[in-house]
Amino acid sequence: MLVRAGNTWLRMAHGALLAGVLTGCSEAAEGDDSAASGRPSVTAETSGRDRTAASSGGTIGAAGSACELPVTFDIARNWKAEAVKAPLGQGPVTLACEIDAKPAGSIGFLRVWTGKPGDADTRTVLEAFVAAEDGVSKEQYSAFTSGGLSGTKVEYLYASELLDETKKESAFAVTTADGPVVVHLGGLDTDEHEEMLPAYELARRTLRVA
């Protein structure tokens, strides 16, 4: 019950965000001639970026940071982290932190989910997390290590009913003495997901136990 409620809320919020973005774009096209002013657009700026690496905008996870977690990692520059208090669950974990890409010019979130300590390994945790999401297909799992932690990562396709399309999503999981941690990257669509992957990889590459 908790899982369904959590997924539904997140997807509805995603849909509302999309509606707001599309409305803003429409208004800008009708009433704002900035596109013809010579000022570079967000699309123009991001298309020329090096997508292989993201610059760090700070570290979260430690006591006193925006989100206190069992792990620490770097977030990309201009992304904004905020702790989540609502009890939204997916599989064995509960949403603890959202890192918003909008201030950096993208549409999506890096979400951090945490769970209670147990005996489940990272593959089991991640499989349960993905299985709790409707519309998932073509999962590809693999192992990784970072900062002394061994984990499992996955890439898959998600069929969005709100957008009536299929898009890529990614997640990784590690276990700590304080319980499992899952970090998930969605995105408005596959293009946005690909654009945000450097921020996701930055988090995975800098992952440490808090």
N, C-alpha and C. Protein backbone atom coordinates (compact mmCIF):
# COMPACT_ATOMS: atom_id res chain seq x y z
N MET A 1 0.83 -1.20 0.00
CA MET A 1 0.00 0.00 0.00
C MET A 1 0.86 1.24 0.00
N LEU A 2 1.86 1.23 0.82
CA LEU A 2 2.77 2.37 0.89
C LEU A 2 3.49 2.57 -0.42
N VAL A 3 3.92 1.47 -1.04
CA VAL A 3 4.63 1.55 -2.31
C VAL A 3 3.77 2.16 -3.38
N ARG A 4 2.54 1.65 -3.51
CA ARG A 4 1.64 2.17 -4.54
C ARG A 4 1.39 3.65 -4.34
N ALA A 5 1.15 4.04 -3.08
CA ALA A 5 0.89 5.45 -2.79
C ALA A 5 2.09 6.30 -3.15
N GLY A 6 3.26 5.82 -2.84
CA GLY A 6 4.46 6.58 -3.14
C GLY A 6 4.68 6.75 -4.61
N ASN A 7 4.55 5.66 -5.38
CA ASN A 7 4.76 5.74 -6.82
C ASN A 7 3.73 6.64 -7.48
N THR A 8 2.48 6.50 -7.08
CA THR A 8 1.42 7.32 -7.67
C THR A 8 1.68 8.79 -7.41
N TRP A 9 2.05 9.13 -6.19
CA TRP A 9 2.31 10.54 -5.84
C TRP A 9 3.45 11.09 -6.67
N LEU A 10 4.53 10.35 -6.81
CA LEU A 10 5.68 10.83 -7.55
C LEU A 10 5.35 11.03 -9.02
N ARG A 11 4.61 10.09 -9.61
CA ARG A 11 4.27 10.20 -11.02
C ARG A 11 3.30 11.34 -11.26
N MET A 12 2.34 11.55 -10.32
CA MET A 12 1.43 12.68 -10.46
C MET A 12 2.18 14.00 -10.36
N ALA A 13 3.13 14.06 -9.44
CA ALA A 13 3.94 15.27 -9.30
C ALA A 13 4.75 15.52 -10.56
N HIS A 14 5.25 14.45 -11.15
CA HIS A 14 6.02 14.54 -12.39
C HIS A 14 5.14 15.12 -13.49
N GLY A 15 3.87 14.62 -13.55
CA GLY A 15 2.96 15.12 -14.57
C GLY A 15 2.65 16.59 -14.37
N ALA A 16 2.47 17.00 -13.12
CA ALA A 16 2.21 18.41 -12.84
C ALA A 16 3.39 19.27 -13.22
N LEU A 17 4.59 18.76 -12.96
CA LEU A 17 5.80 19.49 -13.33
C LEU A 17 5.87 19.66 -14.82
N LEU A 18 5.57 18.59 -15.57
CA LEU A 18 5.59 18.65 -17.02
C LEU A 18 4.61 19.68 -17.54
N ALA A 19 3.39 19.68 -16.96
CA ALA A 19 2.38 20.63 -17.40
C ALA A 19 2.86 22.06 -17.19
N GLY A 20 3.50 22.31 -16.04
CA GLY A 20 4.01 23.65 -15.77
C GLY A 20 5.11 24.05 -16.71
N VAL A 21 5.98 23.12 -17.04
CA VAL A 21 7.08 23.41 -17.96
C VAL A 21 6.55 23.73 -19.34
N LEU A 22 5.60 22.90 -19.82
CA LEU A 22 5.05 23.12 -21.15
C LEU A 22 4.29 24.43 -21.22
N THR A 23 3.55 24.78 -20.15
CA THR A 23 2.85 26.05 -20.11
C THR A 23 3.83 27.21 -20.15
N GLY A 24 4.91 27.09 -19.39
CA GLY A 24 5.93 28.14 -19.38
C GLY A 24 6.56 28.31 -20.74
N CYS A 25 6.81 27.20 -21.43
CA CYS A 25 7.41 27.27 -22.76
C CYS A 25 6.48 27.95 -23.73
N SER A 26 5.16 27.63 -23.61
CA SER A 26 4.17 28.23 -24.51
C SER A 26 4.08 29.72 -24.30
N GLU A 27 4.05 30.13 -23.02
CA GLU A 27 3.97 31.56 -22.72
C GLU A 27 5.20 32.30 -23.20
N ALA A 28 6.35 31.67 -23.05
CA ALA A 28 7.59 32.31 -23.49
C ALA A 28 7.58 32.49 -24.99
N ALA A 29 7.05 31.51 -25.71
CA ALA A 29 7.03 31.59 -27.17
C ALA A 29 6.09 32.68 -27.64
N GLU A 30 4.95 32.90 -26.89
CA GLU A 30 3.97 33.87 -27.32
C GLU A 30 4.31 35.29 -26.89
N GLY A 31 4.87 35.43 -25.68
CA GLY A 31 5.02 36.77 -25.15
C GLY A 31 6.42 37.22 -24.86
N ASP A 32 7.41 36.43 -25.19
CA ASP A 32 8.79 36.76 -24.86
C ASP A 32 9.64 36.55 -26.09
N ASP A 33 10.30 37.61 -26.55
CA ASP A 33 11.12 37.48 -27.76
C ASP A 33 12.57 37.23 -27.42
N SER A 34 12.85 36.69 -26.23
CA SER A 34 14.23 36.48 -25.82
C SER A 34 14.92 35.47 -26.70
N ALA A 35 14.15 34.58 -27.36
CA ALA A 35 14.77 33.57 -28.22
C ALA A 35 15.47 34.23 -29.39
N ALA A 36 15.00 35.43 -29.76
CA ALA A 36 15.61 36.12 -30.89
C ALA A 36 16.60 37.17 -30.44
N SER A 37 16.88 37.23 -29.16
CA SER A 37 17.71 38.30 -28.63
C SER A 37 19.19 38.00 -28.68
N GLY A 38 19.53 36.76 -29.04
CA GLY A 38 20.94 36.40 -29.06
C GLY A 38 21.41 35.78 -27.78
N ARG A 39 20.53 35.75 -26.75
CA ARG A 39 20.89 35.11 -25.50
C ARG A 39 20.79 33.61 -25.67
N PRO A 40 21.82 32.82 -25.33
CA PRO A 40 21.78 31.38 -25.57
C PRO A 40 20.69 30.70 -24.76
N SER A 41 20.01 29.75 -25.37
CA SER A 41 18.97 29.00 -24.68
C SER A 41 19.59 27.91 -23.83
N VAL A 42 18.77 27.33 -22.94
CA VAL A 42 19.25 26.21 -22.13
C VAL A 42 19.68 25.07 -23.02
N THR A 43 18.89 24.80 -24.08
CA THR A 43 19.22 23.71 -25.00
C THR A 43 20.56 23.96 -25.66
N ALA A 44 20.78 25.19 -26.09
CA ALA A 44 22.04 25.51 -26.76
C ALA A 44 23.21 25.35 -25.81
N GLU A 45 23.00 25.74 -24.55
CA GLU A 45 24.08 25.65 -23.59
C GLU A 45 24.42 24.20 -23.27
N THR A 46 23.38 23.38 -23.05
CA THR A 46 23.63 22.01 -22.63
C THR A 46 24.14 21.15 -23.77
N SER A 47 23.75 21.49 -25.01
CA SER A 47 24.18 20.65 -26.13
C SER A 47 25.67 20.73 -26.34
N GLY A 48 26.29 21.82 -25.87
CA GLY A 48 27.73 21.95 -26.05
C GLY A 48 28.54 21.49 -24.87
N ARG A 49 27.89 21.02 -23.82
CA ARG A 49 28.62 20.61 -22.62
C ARG A 49 29.32 19.28 -22.82
N ASP A 50 30.34 19.09 -22.03
CA ASP A 50 30.99 17.78 -21.96
C ASP A 50 30.12 16.90 -21.08
N ARG A 51 29.50 15.88 -21.68
CA ARG A 51 28.58 15.04 -20.93
C ARG A 51 29.29 13.91 -20.20
N THR A 52 30.60 13.85 -20.28
CA THR A 52 31.31 12.75 -19.65
C THR A 52 31.58 13.01 -18.18
N ALA A 53 31.44 14.23 -17.71
CA ALA A 53 31.73 14.53 -16.30
C ALA A 53 30.89 15.70 -15.84
N ALA A 54 30.55 15.69 -14.57
CA ALA A 54 29.80 16.80 -13.97
C ALA A 54 30.65 17.42 -12.87
N SER A 55 30.62 18.75 -12.78
CA SER A 55 31.35 19.45 -11.73
C SER A 55 30.61 19.33 -10.41
N SER A 56 31.35 19.17 -9.34
CA SER A 56 30.74 19.02 -8.02
C SER A 56 30.21 20.35 -7.49
N GLY A 57 29.03 20.29 -6.89
CA GLY A 57 28.45 21.45 -6.25
C GLY A 57 28.39 21.31 -4.74
N GLY A 58 29.10 20.31 -4.22
CA GLY A 58 29.10 20.07 -2.78
C GLY A 58 28.78 18.62 -2.46
N THR A 59 28.82 18.30 -1.19
CA THR A 59 28.60 16.93 -0.73
C THR A 59 27.39 16.88 0.19
N ILE A 60 26.57 15.84 0.05
CA ILE A 60 25.45 15.63 0.96
C ILE A 60 25.58 14.27 1.64
N GLY A 61 24.82 14.09 2.69
CA GLY A 61 24.81 12.82 3.41
C GLY A 61 25.31 12.93 4.83
N ALA A 62 26.30 13.80 5.06
CA ALA A 62 26.87 13.94 6.40
C ALA A 62 25.92 14.72 7.31
N ALA A 63 26.13 14.61 8.60
CA ALA A 63 25.34 15.38 9.57
C ALA A 63 25.47 16.87 9.27
N GLY A 64 24.34 17.56 9.26
CA GLY A 64 24.34 18.98 8.99
C GLY A 64 24.15 19.34 7.54
N SER A 65 24.19 18.35 6.64
CA SER A 65 23.98 18.62 5.22
C SER A 65 22.48 18.64 4.92
N ALA A 66 22.13 18.99 3.69
CA ALA A 66 20.71 19.10 3.33
C ALA A 66 19.97 17.79 3.54
N CYS A 67 20.65 16.67 3.30
CA CYS A 67 20.07 15.34 3.53
C CYS A 67 21.06 14.51 4.32
N GLU A 68 20.68 14.07 5.50
CA GLU A 68 21.54 13.21 6.31
C GLU A 68 21.24 11.76 5.95
N LEU A 69 22.26 11.03 5.48
CA LEU A 69 22.07 9.70 4.92
C LEU A 69 23.12 8.73 5.46
N PRO A 70 22.96 7.43 5.22
CA PRO A 70 24.00 6.47 5.61
C PRO A 70 25.26 6.58 4.76
N VAL A 71 25.17 7.30 3.64
CA VAL A 71 26.31 7.50 2.75
C VAL A 71 26.46 8.98 2.45
N THR A 72 27.63 9.35 1.93
CA THR A 72 27.84 10.69 1.42
C THR A 72 28.22 10.59 -0.05
N PHE A 73 27.92 11.63 -0.81
CA PHE A 73 28.35 11.70 -2.20
C PHE A 73 28.22 13.14 -2.70
N ASP A 74 28.91 13.43 -3.78
CA ASP A 74 28.86 14.77 -4.36
C ASP A 74 27.62 14.92 -5.24
N ILE A 75 27.03 16.11 -5.21
CA ILE A 75 25.95 16.42 -6.13
C ILE A 75 26.47 17.41 -7.16
N ALA A 76 25.89 17.39 -8.34
CA ALA A 76 26.35 18.24 -9.43
C ALA A 76 26.08 19.72 -9.12
N ARG A 77 26.90 20.56 -9.70
CA ARG A 77 26.78 22.00 -9.48
C ARG A 77 25.38 22.49 -9.88
N ASN A 78 24.81 23.31 -9.03
CA ASN A 78 23.50 23.95 -9.21
C ASN A 78 22.31 23.02 -8.93
N TRP A 79 22.55 21.74 -8.71
CA TRP A 79 21.46 20.87 -8.30
C TRP A 79 21.13 21.17 -6.84
N LYS A 80 19.86 21.05 -6.46
CA LYS A 80 19.43 21.41 -5.10
C LYS A 80 18.87 20.19 -4.37
N ALA A 81 19.47 19.87 -3.22
CA ALA A 81 19.04 18.72 -2.42
C ALA A 81 18.07 19.16 -1.33
N GLU A 82 17.07 18.31 -1.08
CA GLU A 82 16.10 18.59 -0.02
C GLU A 82 15.65 17.27 0.61
N ALA A 83 15.65 17.23 1.93
CA ALA A 83 15.20 16.03 2.64
C ALA A 83 13.69 15.85 2.44
N VAL A 84 13.26 14.59 2.38
CA VAL A 84 11.85 14.26 2.21
C VAL A 84 11.33 13.63 3.49
N LYS A 85 10.26 14.17 4.02
CA LYS A 85 9.69 13.66 5.27
C LYS A 85 8.49 12.75 5.05
N ALA A 86 7.82 12.88 3.89
CA ALA A 86 6.64 12.06 3.63
C ALA A 86 7.02 10.58 3.52
N PRO A 87 6.21 9.68 4.08
CA PRO A 87 6.55 8.24 4.07
C PRO A 87 6.22 7.58 2.74
N LEU A 88 7.02 7.85 1.72
CA LEU A 88 6.79 7.27 0.40
C LEU A 88 7.75 6.11 0.19
N GLY A 89 7.24 4.92 0.00
CA GLY A 89 8.08 3.74 -0.11
C GLY A 89 8.03 3.10 -1.48
N GLN A 90 9.08 2.39 -1.82
CA GLN A 90 9.13 1.58 -3.04
C GLN A 90 9.94 0.32 -2.73
N GLY A 91 9.27 -0.82 -2.71
CA GLY A 91 9.96 -2.05 -2.33
C GLY A 91 10.46 -1.97 -0.91
N PRO A 92 11.74 -2.27 -0.67
CA PRO A 92 12.28 -2.31 0.69
C PRO A 92 12.79 -0.97 1.22
N VAL A 93 12.61 0.10 0.46
CA VAL A 93 13.20 1.39 0.85
C VAL A 93 12.17 2.50 0.85
N THR A 94 12.52 3.60 1.53
CA THR A 94 11.65 4.76 1.66
C THR A 94 12.38 6.00 1.17
N LEU A 95 11.67 6.88 0.50
CA LEU A 95 12.28 8.09 -0.05
C LEU A 95 12.80 8.98 1.07
N ALA A 96 14.08 9.36 0.97
CA ALA A 96 14.71 10.17 2.01
C ALA A 96 15.19 11.52 1.51
N CYS A 97 15.50 11.63 0.22
CA CYS A 97 16.10 12.87 -0.29
C CYS A 97 15.81 13.01 -1.78
N GLU A 98 15.50 14.23 -2.19
CA GLU A 98 15.33 14.56 -3.61
C GLU A 98 16.35 15.62 -3.99
N ILE A 99 17.03 15.40 -5.10
CA ILE A 99 18.02 16.36 -5.59
C ILE A 99 17.52 16.85 -6.94
N ASP A 100 17.11 18.09 -6.98
CA ASP A 100 16.39 18.67 -8.11
C ASP A 100 17.36 19.21 -9.15
N ALA A 101 17.14 18.83 -10.41
CA ALA A 101 18.00 19.28 -11.50
C ALA A 101 17.54 20.58 -12.13
N LYS A 102 16.35 21.06 -11.78
CA LYS A 102 15.83 22.25 -12.45
C LYS A 102 16.74 23.47 -12.35
N PRO A 103 17.36 23.75 -11.18
CA PRO A 103 18.25 24.91 -11.12
C PRO A 103 19.44 24.81 -12.07
N ALA A 104 19.75 23.59 -12.51
CA ALA A 104 20.86 23.38 -13.44
C ALA A 104 20.38 23.33 -14.89
N GLY A 105 19.07 23.50 -15.10
CA GLY A 105 18.54 23.56 -16.46
C GLY A 105 17.98 22.27 -17.01
N SER A 106 17.84 21.24 -16.17
CA SER A 106 17.27 19.98 -16.62
C SER A 106 15.98 19.70 -15.86
N ILE A 107 15.19 18.74 -16.35
CA ILE A 107 13.93 18.41 -15.72
C ILE A 107 14.00 16.99 -15.19
N GLY A 108 14.15 16.86 -13.88
CA GLY A 108 14.24 15.54 -13.28
C GLY A 108 14.84 15.62 -11.89
N PHE A 109 14.92 14.47 -11.25
CA PHE A 109 15.44 14.37 -9.89
C PHE A 109 16.37 13.18 -9.75
N LEU A 110 17.37 13.35 -8.90
CA LEU A 110 18.13 12.23 -8.37
C LEU A 110 17.51 11.96 -7.00
N ARG A 111 16.93 10.77 -6.83
CA ARG A 111 16.23 10.47 -5.59
C ARG A 111 17.00 9.42 -4.80
N VAL A 112 17.07 9.63 -3.49
CA VAL A 112 17.79 8.71 -2.60
C VAL A 112 16.77 8.04 -1.68
N TRP A 113 16.82 6.72 -1.67
CA TRP A 113 15.90 5.91 -0.87
C TRP A 113 16.72 5.12 0.15
N THR A 114 16.22 5.00 1.36
CA THR A 114 16.94 4.27 2.41
C THR A 114 16.02 3.23 3.04
N GLY A 115 16.64 2.19 3.63
CA GLY A 115 15.86 1.13 4.25
C GLY A 115 16.44 0.71 5.58
N LYS A 116 15.77 -0.23 6.21
CA LYS A 116 16.22 -0.74 7.50
C LYS A 116 17.31 -1.79 7.32
N PRO A 117 18.22 -1.90 8.28
CA PRO A 117 19.28 -2.91 8.19
C PRO A 117 18.69 -4.31 8.04
N GLY A 118 19.40 -5.15 7.29
CA GLY A 118 18.94 -6.52 7.09
C GLY A 118 20.02 -7.34 6.41
N ASP A 119 19.66 -8.54 6.00
CA ASP A 119 20.62 -9.46 5.40
C ASP A 119 20.61 -9.44 3.87
N ALA A 120 19.70 -8.71 3.25
CA ALA A 120 19.59 -8.71 1.79
C ALA A 120 20.82 -8.07 1.16
N ASP A 121 21.31 -8.68 0.08
CA ASP A 121 22.45 -8.10 -0.63
C ASP A 121 21.97 -7.02 -1.59
N THR A 122 22.91 -6.31 -2.21
CA THR A 122 22.55 -5.15 -3.03
C THR A 122 21.71 -5.54 -4.25
N ARG A 123 22.01 -6.68 -4.86
CA ARG A 123 21.23 -7.13 -6.01
C ARG A 123 19.77 -7.40 -5.62
N THR A 124 19.60 -8.05 -4.49
CA THR A 124 18.24 -8.35 -4.02
C THR A 124 17.47 -7.07 -3.71
N VAL A 125 18.13 -6.12 -3.06
CA VAL A 125 17.49 -4.84 -2.74
C VAL A 125 17.08 -4.12 -4.01
N LEU A 126 17.99 -4.05 -4.97
CA LEU A 126 17.71 -3.31 -6.20
C LEU A 126 16.63 -4.00 -7.03
N GLU A 127 16.67 -5.31 -7.10
CA GLU A 127 15.63 -6.03 -7.84
C GLU A 127 14.25 -5.80 -7.22
N ALA A 128 14.19 -5.78 -5.89
CA ALA A 128 12.91 -5.52 -5.22
C ALA A 128 12.43 -4.10 -5.47
N PHE A 129 13.36 -3.15 -5.50
CA PHE A 129 13.03 -1.76 -5.78
C PHE A 129 12.44 -1.62 -7.18
N VAL A 130 13.09 -2.22 -8.16
CA VAL A 130 12.63 -2.13 -9.55
C VAL A 130 11.31 -2.88 -9.73
N ALA A 131 11.19 -4.04 -9.11
CA ALA A 131 9.98 -4.86 -9.25
C ALA A 131 8.74 -4.15 -8.70
N ALA A 132 8.94 -3.23 -7.76
CA ALA A 132 7.81 -2.50 -7.17
C ALA A 132 7.29 -1.40 -8.08
N GLU A 133 7.94 -1.17 -9.20
CA GLU A 133 7.55 -0.13 -10.15
C GLU A 133 6.85 -0.76 -11.34
N ASP A 134 5.62 -0.36 -11.61
CA ASP A 134 4.89 -0.87 -12.77
C ASP A 134 5.49 -0.30 -14.06
N GLY A 135 5.42 -1.07 -15.14
CA GLY A 135 5.83 -0.56 -16.45
C GLY A 135 7.30 -0.67 -16.74
N VAL A 136 8.04 -1.50 -16.00
CA VAL A 136 9.48 -1.64 -16.19
C VAL A 136 9.79 -2.82 -17.11
N SER A 137 10.80 -2.65 -17.98
CA SER A 137 11.23 -3.73 -18.86
C SER A 137 12.70 -3.59 -19.20
N LYS A 138 13.28 -4.66 -19.73
CA LYS A 138 14.65 -4.68 -20.25
C LYS A 138 15.68 -4.24 -19.20
N GLU A 139 15.55 -4.77 -17.98
CA GLU A 139 16.50 -4.44 -16.92
C GLU A 139 17.86 -5.06 -17.23
N GLN A 140 18.91 -4.28 -17.01
CA GLN A 140 20.29 -4.75 -17.18
C GLN A 140 21.06 -4.44 -15.89
N TYR A 141 21.40 -5.48 -15.14
CA TYR A 141 22.09 -5.33 -13.85
C TYR A 141 23.58 -5.58 -14.01
N SER A 142 24.38 -4.88 -13.20
CA SER A 142 25.83 -5.12 -13.16
C SER A 142 26.37 -4.67 -11.81
N ALA A 143 27.56 -5.15 -11.46
CA ALA A 143 28.18 -4.82 -10.18
C ALA A 143 29.13 -3.64 -10.34
N PHE A 144 29.38 -2.93 -9.23
CA PHE A 144 30.36 -1.84 -9.24
C PHE A 144 30.95 -1.70 -7.85
N THR A 145 32.07 -0.99 -7.76
CA THR A 145 32.67 -0.65 -6.47
C THR A 145 33.01 0.84 -6.47
N SER A 146 32.89 1.46 -5.30
CA SER A 146 33.20 2.88 -5.17
C SER A 146 33.43 3.20 -3.71
N GLY A 147 34.56 3.84 -3.41
CA GLY A 147 34.84 4.27 -2.06
C GLY A 147 34.83 3.16 -1.04
N GLY A 148 35.25 1.97 -1.44
CA GLY A 148 35.25 0.84 -0.53
C GLY A 148 33.91 0.13 -0.43
N LEU A 149 32.91 0.61 -1.16
CA LEU A 149 31.58 0.00 -1.16
C LEU A 149 31.39 -0.83 -2.42
N SER A 150 30.78 -1.99 -2.27
CA SER A 150 30.40 -2.82 -3.41
C SER A 150 28.90 -2.70 -3.60
N GLY A 151 28.47 -2.50 -4.84
CA GLY A 151 27.05 -2.31 -5.08
C GLY A 151 26.59 -2.93 -6.38
N THR A 152 25.33 -2.72 -6.68
CA THR A 152 24.72 -3.18 -7.92
C THR A 152 24.04 -2.00 -8.58
N LYS A 153 24.15 -1.92 -9.90
CA LYS A 153 23.48 -0.86 -10.64
C LYS A 153 22.59 -1.49 -11.71
N VAL A 154 21.62 -0.71 -12.17
CA VAL A 154 20.68 -1.22 -13.17
C VAL A 154 20.28 -0.09 -14.11
N GLU A 155 20.08 -0.45 -15.36
CA GLU A 155 19.48 0.43 -16.35
C GLU A 155 18.26 -0.28 -16.90
N TYR A 156 17.18 0.46 -17.11
CA TYR A 156 15.96 -0.18 -17.59
C TYR A 156 15.09 0.83 -18.33
N LEU A 157 14.02 0.32 -18.92
CA LEU A 157 13.04 1.16 -19.59
C LEU A 157 11.78 1.24 -18.73
N TYR A 158 11.20 2.43 -18.67
CA TYR A 158 9.97 2.64 -17.93
C TYR A 158 8.91 3.17 -18.88
N ALA A 159 7.77 2.50 -18.96
CA ALA A 159 6.67 2.92 -19.81
C ALA A 159 5.79 3.90 -19.03
N SER A 160 5.88 5.18 -19.38
CA SER A 160 5.16 6.22 -18.67
C SER A 160 3.75 6.37 -19.23
N GLU A 161 2.74 6.14 -18.38
CA GLU A 161 1.36 6.33 -18.80
C GLU A 161 1.03 7.81 -18.93
N LEU A 162 1.65 8.63 -18.10
CA LEU A 162 1.38 10.07 -18.14
C LEU A 162 1.85 10.69 -19.45
N LEU A 163 3.03 10.25 -19.93
CA LEU A 163 3.59 10.83 -21.14
C LEU A 163 3.34 9.97 -22.36
N ASP A 164 2.78 8.77 -22.16
CA ASP A 164 2.49 7.84 -23.25
C ASP A 164 3.75 7.55 -24.07
N GLU A 165 4.85 7.27 -23.37
CA GLU A 165 6.09 6.92 -24.04
C GLU A 165 6.96 6.10 -23.10
N THR A 166 7.98 5.48 -23.66
CA THR A 166 8.92 4.69 -22.87
C THR A 166 10.23 5.46 -22.75
N LYS A 167 10.79 5.49 -21.54
CA LYS A 167 12.01 6.25 -21.32
C LYS A 167 12.99 5.46 -20.47
N LYS A 168 14.26 5.85 -20.55
CA LYS A 168 15.30 5.19 -19.78
C LYS A 168 15.32 5.70 -18.33
N GLU A 169 15.66 4.81 -17.41
CA GLU A 169 15.89 5.18 -16.02
C GLU A 169 17.07 4.35 -15.50
N SER A 170 17.71 4.85 -14.44
CA SER A 170 18.88 4.17 -13.88
C SER A 170 18.82 4.22 -12.35
N ALA A 171 19.45 3.24 -11.71
CA ALA A 171 19.52 3.22 -10.25
C ALA A 171 20.71 2.39 -9.81
N PHE A 172 21.20 2.68 -8.60
CA PHE A 172 22.21 1.81 -8.00
C PHE A 172 21.91 1.64 -6.53
N ALA A 173 22.42 0.55 -5.97
CA ALA A 173 22.16 0.24 -4.56
C ALA A 173 23.44 -0.21 -3.87
N VAL A 174 23.58 0.20 -2.62
CA VAL A 174 24.65 -0.28 -1.75
C VAL A 174 24.02 -0.62 -0.40
N THR A 175 24.73 -1.39 0.39
CA THR A 175 24.26 -1.68 1.75
C THR A 175 25.28 -1.14 2.75
N THR A 176 24.77 -0.66 3.88
CA THR A 176 25.61 -0.14 4.96
C THR A 176 25.12 -0.73 6.28
N ALA A 177 25.86 -0.46 7.33
CA ALA A 177 25.44 -0.93 8.65
C ALA A 177 24.10 -0.32 9.07
N ASP A 178 23.77 0.84 8.50
CA ASP A 178 22.51 1.51 8.81
C ASP A 178 21.39 1.13 7.87
N GLY A 179 21.67 0.23 6.92
CA GLY A 179 20.63 -0.21 6.00
C GLY A 179 20.99 0.07 4.55
N PRO A 180 20.17 -0.42 3.61
CA PRO A 180 20.44 -0.22 2.19
C PRO A 180 20.15 1.20 1.73
N VAL A 181 20.84 1.60 0.67
CA VAL A 181 20.62 2.89 0.05
C VAL A 181 20.45 2.67 -1.45
N VAL A 182 19.40 3.23 -2.02
CA VAL A 182 19.18 3.19 -3.46
C VAL A 182 19.17 4.62 -3.98
N VAL A 183 19.93 4.87 -5.03
CA VAL A 183 19.95 6.18 -5.69
C VAL A 183 19.37 5.98 -7.09
N HIS A 184 18.34 6.73 -7.42
CA HIS A 184 17.60 6.54 -8.67
C HIS A 184 17.58 7.83 -9.49
N LEU A 185 17.76 7.68 -10.79
CA LEU A 185 17.66 8.81 -11.72
C LEU A 185 16.57 8.53 -12.74
N GLY A 186 15.58 9.41 -12.78
CA GLY A 186 14.53 9.31 -13.78
C GLY A 186 14.77 10.35 -14.86
N GLY A 187 13.83 11.29 -14.98
CA GLY A 187 13.95 12.33 -15.98
C GLY A 187 12.66 12.47 -16.75
N LEU A 188 12.46 13.63 -17.35
CA LEU A 188 11.25 13.90 -18.13
C LEU A 188 11.09 12.91 -19.27
N ASP A 189 12.20 12.63 -19.95
CA ASP A 189 12.21 11.67 -21.05
C ASP A 189 13.62 11.13 -21.18
N THR A 190 13.87 10.30 -22.20
CA THR A 190 15.19 9.70 -22.35
C THR A 190 16.26 10.75 -22.61
N ASP A 191 15.95 11.78 -23.39
CA ASP A 191 16.94 12.83 -23.66
C ASP A 191 17.36 13.53 -22.37
N GLU A 192 16.38 13.88 -21.53
CA GLU A 192 16.71 14.51 -20.26
C GLU A 192 17.49 13.56 -19.37
N HIS A 193 17.12 12.30 -19.40
CA HIS A 193 17.84 11.30 -18.60
C HIS A 193 19.31 11.24 -19.01
N GLU A 194 19.56 11.18 -20.30
CA GLU A 194 20.94 11.13 -20.79
C GLU A 194 21.70 12.39 -20.41
N GLU A 195 21.01 13.53 -20.43
CA GLU A 195 21.64 14.80 -20.08
C GLU A 195 22.05 14.83 -18.61
N MET A 196 21.30 14.14 -17.77
CA MET A 196 21.56 14.16 -16.33
C MET A 196 22.45 13.02 -15.86
N LEU A 197 22.78 12.09 -16.73
CA LEU A 197 23.60 10.94 -16.33
C LEU A 197 24.94 11.33 -15.70
N PRO A 198 25.62 12.40 -16.17
CA PRO A 198 26.88 12.77 -15.51
C PRO A 198 26.70 13.08 -14.02
N ALA A 199 25.57 13.66 -13.64
CA ALA A 199 25.31 13.93 -12.22
C ALA A 199 25.11 12.63 -11.45
N TYR A 200 24.43 11.69 -12.07
CA TYR A 200 24.23 10.36 -11.48
C TYR A 200 25.56 9.64 -11.31
N GLU A 201 26.40 9.70 -12.33
CA GLU A 201 27.71 9.05 -12.26
C GLU A 201 28.62 9.73 -11.24
N LEU A 202 28.49 11.05 -11.10
CA LEU A 202 29.26 11.77 -10.08
C LEU A 202 28.89 11.25 -8.70
N ALA A 203 27.60 11.07 -8.45
CA ALA A 203 27.15 10.55 -7.15
C ALA A 203 27.71 9.15 -6.91
N ARG A 204 27.65 8.30 -7.91
CA ARG A 204 28.13 6.93 -7.74
C ARG A 204 29.64 6.89 -7.56
N ARG A 205 30.34 7.72 -8.29
CA ARG A 205 31.81 7.73 -8.25
C ARG A 205 32.35 8.24 -6.92
N THR A 206 31.63 9.15 -6.28
CA THR A 206 32.10 9.77 -5.04
C THR A 206 31.46 9.17 -3.80
N LEU A 207 30.76 8.08 -3.95
CA LEU A 207 30.02 7.45 -2.86
C LEU A 207 30.95 6.97 -1.75
N ARG A 208 30.61 7.29 -0.51
CA ARG A 208 31.37 6.87 0.66
C ARG A 208 30.40 6.58 1.80
N VAL A 209 30.82 5.77 2.77
CA VAL A 209 30.01 5.56 3.97
C VAL A 209 30.08 6.82 4.82
N ALA A 210 28.94 7.26 5.32
CA ALA A 210 28.91 8.50 6.12
C ALA A 210 29.57 8.27 7.48
